[in-house]
Amino acid sequence: MEMGIDRYLKEQFQIPEVDIRTYSPLTLAYIGDGIYDLVIRSVVVAKGNTKASELHKRTSQIVKAHTQAEMMEILLPLLTEEEEGIYRRGRNAKSYTMAKNATMADYRKATGFEALMGYLYLQDKFERIVELVKAGMDGLHLKL
């Protein structure tokens, strides 16, 4: 079995194990934002080599807060109890910033989504991340 990227990074940089349940939801959302962006960018690039501006255009519509919030409506029934708890913690976290072009409700749902992505990543559950992202994209009929 291959080692997950998070575990590999910890090994290479000699980062001690930490109980991720101690991470704040905003910390989980921070890493989750990057992981979700990486998944979407990876799929967009795999669809074909093109200009960077076109890649950005395809990606930006899917990684914005409003789309993540819509995706969560589709994903909620698919979540385990544990995943739903992580999502709720992220959604309810008090953030003092907000994405431009997003309502507060969308921003909170998107933060919950990103917290879930971060939690799954730190649990080395990359397959589950991809499964959920694909289900959300399919449910919203999103094409890259």
Protein backbone atom coordinates (compact mmCIF):
# COMPACT_ATOMS: atom_id res chain seq x y z
CA MET A 1 0.00 0.00 0.00
CA GLU A 2 1.30 3.41 -0.95
CA MET A 3 1.85 6.07 1.64
CA GLY A 4 -0.50 9.08 1.46
CA ILE A 5 1.05 12.43 0.58
CA ASP A 6 0.41 13.89 4.05
CA ARG A 7 2.13 10.94 5.75
CA TYR A 8 4.99 11.13 3.24
CA LEU A 9 5.49 14.86 3.90
CA LYS A 10 5.52 14.25 7.64
CA GLU A 11 8.13 11.55 7.21
CA GLN A 12 10.36 13.60 4.90
CA PHE A 13 10.17 16.78 6.98
CA GLN A 14 10.22 14.96 10.34
CA ILE A 15 6.90 16.42 11.42
CA PRO A 16 5.55 14.75 14.57
CA GLU A 17 2.13 13.13 14.53
CA VAL A 18 -0.65 15.34 15.85
CA ASP A 19 -4.18 14.37 16.75
CA ILE A 20 -6.06 16.17 13.97
CA ARG A 21 -9.13 16.36 16.18
CA THR A 22 -7.25 19.12 17.99
CA TYR A 23 -7.02 21.25 14.84
CA SER A 24 -9.40 24.16 14.63
CA PRO A 25 -12.03 23.95 11.89
CA LEU A 26 -10.44 26.96 10.20
CA THR A 27 -7.08 25.15 10.11
CA LEU A 28 -8.81 22.18 8.48
CA ALA A 29 -10.49 24.55 6.02
CA TYR A 30 -7.13 26.17 5.22
CA ILE A 31 -5.57 22.89 4.07
CA GLY A 32 -8.87 21.69 2.60
CA ASP A 33 -9.09 24.75 0.35
CA GLY A 34 -5.71 23.86 -1.15
CA ILE A 35 -6.54 20.18 -1.55
CA TYR A 36 -9.89 20.87 -3.22
CA ASP A 37 -8.22 23.38 -5.54
CA LEU A 38 -5.54 20.79 -6.39
CA VAL A 39 -8.17 18.15 -7.23
CA ILE A 40 -10.08 20.51 -9.52
CA ARG A 41 -6.91 21.86 -11.17
CA SER A 42 -5.64 18.31 -11.71
CA VAL A 43 -8.85 17.30 -13.48
CA VAL A 44 -8.90 20.48 -15.57
CA VAL A 45 -5.29 20.00 -16.70
CA ALA A 46 -5.89 16.29 -17.42
CA LYS A 47 -8.72 17.29 -19.79
CA GLY A 48 -6.19 18.91 -22.12
CA ASN A 49 -3.33 21.31 -22.46
CA THR A 50 -4.53 24.85 -23.11
CA LYS A 51 -3.78 28.47 -22.19
CA ALA A 52 -3.41 29.24 -18.49
CA SER A 53 -6.20 31.82 -18.70
CA GLU A 54 -8.60 29.14 -19.98
CA LEU A 55 -7.51 26.73 -17.24
CA HIS A 56 -8.15 29.45 -14.65
CA LYS A 57 -11.58 30.23 -16.11
CA ARG A 58 -12.63 26.56 -15.95
CA THR A 59 -11.31 26.15 -12.41
CA SER A 60 -12.54 29.37 -10.81
CA GLN A 61 -16.23 28.65 -11.37
CA ILE A 62 -15.94 25.38 -9.45
CA VAL A 63 -13.75 26.44 -6.55
CA LYS A 64 -15.76 29.53 -5.61
CA ALA A 65 -17.73 29.62 -2.34
CA HIS A 66 -21.17 29.62 -3.99
CA THR A 67 -20.45 26.41 -5.92
CA GLN A 68 -19.00 24.73 -2.82
CA ALA A 69 -22.13 25.69 -0.86
CA GLU A 70 -24.36 24.21 -3.57
CA MET A 71 -22.22 21.09 -3.61
CA MET A 72 -22.71 20.64 0.14
CA GLU A 73 -26.49 20.48 -0.31
CA ILE A 74 -25.95 17.45 -2.55
CA LEU A 75 -23.27 15.87 -0.37
CA LEU A 76 -24.93 16.14 3.05
CA PRO A 77 -27.02 12.95 2.65
CA LEU A 78 -23.87 11.08 1.57
CA LEU A 79 -21.76 11.99 4.59
CA THR A 80 -21.00 9.70 7.48
CA GLU A 81 -21.89 10.93 10.96
CA GLU A 82 -18.23 11.80 11.57
CA GLU A 83 -17.93 13.70 8.28
CA GLU A 84 -21.12 15.61 8.96
CA GLY A 85 -19.75 16.63 12.36
CA ILE A 86 -16.57 17.99 10.76
CA TYR A 87 -18.65 19.87 8.19
CA ARG A 88 -20.83 21.43 10.92
CA ARG A 89 -17.76 22.47 12.94
CA GLY A 90 -16.33 24.19 9.87
CA ARG A 91 -19.63 25.80 8.90
CA ASN A 92 -20.11 27.16 12.42
CA ALA A 93 -16.54 28.42 12.88
CA LYS A 94 -16.25 32.14 13.49
CA SER A 95 -14.18 33.62 10.71
CA TYR A 96 -13.33 37.30 10.59
CA THR A 97 -12.88 37.32 6.83
CA MET A 98 -15.23 36.51 4.01
CA ALA A 99 -14.78 35.63 0.35
CA LYS A 100 -15.61 38.44 -2.02
CA ASN A 101 -18.67 37.78 -4.17
CA ALA A 102 -20.15 35.37 -1.60
CA THR A 103 -23.02 35.60 0.83
CA MET A 104 -22.31 34.87 4.48
CA ALA A 105 -24.42 31.67 4.23
CA ASP A 106 -22.46 30.45 1.19
CA TYR A 107 -19.17 31.36 2.82
CA ARG A 108 -20.00 29.38 5.95
CA LYS A 109 -21.11 26.31 3.97
CA ALA A 110 -17.97 26.57 1.83
CA THR A 111 -15.82 26.77 4.97
CA GLY A 112 -17.52 23.62 6.24
CA PHE A 113 -16.87 21.92 2.90
CA GLU A 114 -13.21 22.93 2.98
CA ALA A 115 -12.87 21.76 6.59
CA LEU A 116 -14.23 18.38 5.54
CA MET A 117 -11.77 18.21 2.62
CA GLY A 118 -8.90 19.09 4.97
CA TYR A 119 -9.97 16.52 7.54
CA LEU A 120 -10.21 13.76 4.94
CA TYR A 121 -6.83 14.72 3.51
CA LEU A 122 -5.17 14.61 6.92
CA GLN A 123 -6.81 11.20 7.47
CA ASP A 124 -5.19 9.97 4.20
CA LYS A 125 -8.66 9.46 2.72
CA PHE A 126 -7.93 10.89 -0.69
CA GLU A 127 -10.25 8.40 -2.41
CA ARG A 128 -13.13 9.70 -0.30
CA ILE A 129 -12.28 13.29 -1.27
CA VAL A 130 -12.44 12.38 -4.95
CA GLU A 131 -15.64 10.39 -4.43
CA LEU A 132 -17.37 13.35 -2.76
CA VAL A 133 -16.08 15.95 -5.23
CA LYS A 134 -17.23 13.80 -8.15
CA ALA A 135 -20.66 13.25 -6.56
CA GLY A 136 -21.02 16.99 -6.00
CA MET A 137 -19.96 17.86 -9.51
CA ASP A 138 -22.24 15.20 -11.01
CA GLY A 139 -25.14 16.42 -8.87
CA LEU A 140 -24.64 19.99 -10.06
CA HIS A 141 -24.02 18.85 -13.66
CA LEU A 142 -20.67 20.64 -13.68
CA LYS A 143 -18.33 20.10 -16.60
CA LEU A 144 -14.68 20.97 -16.61
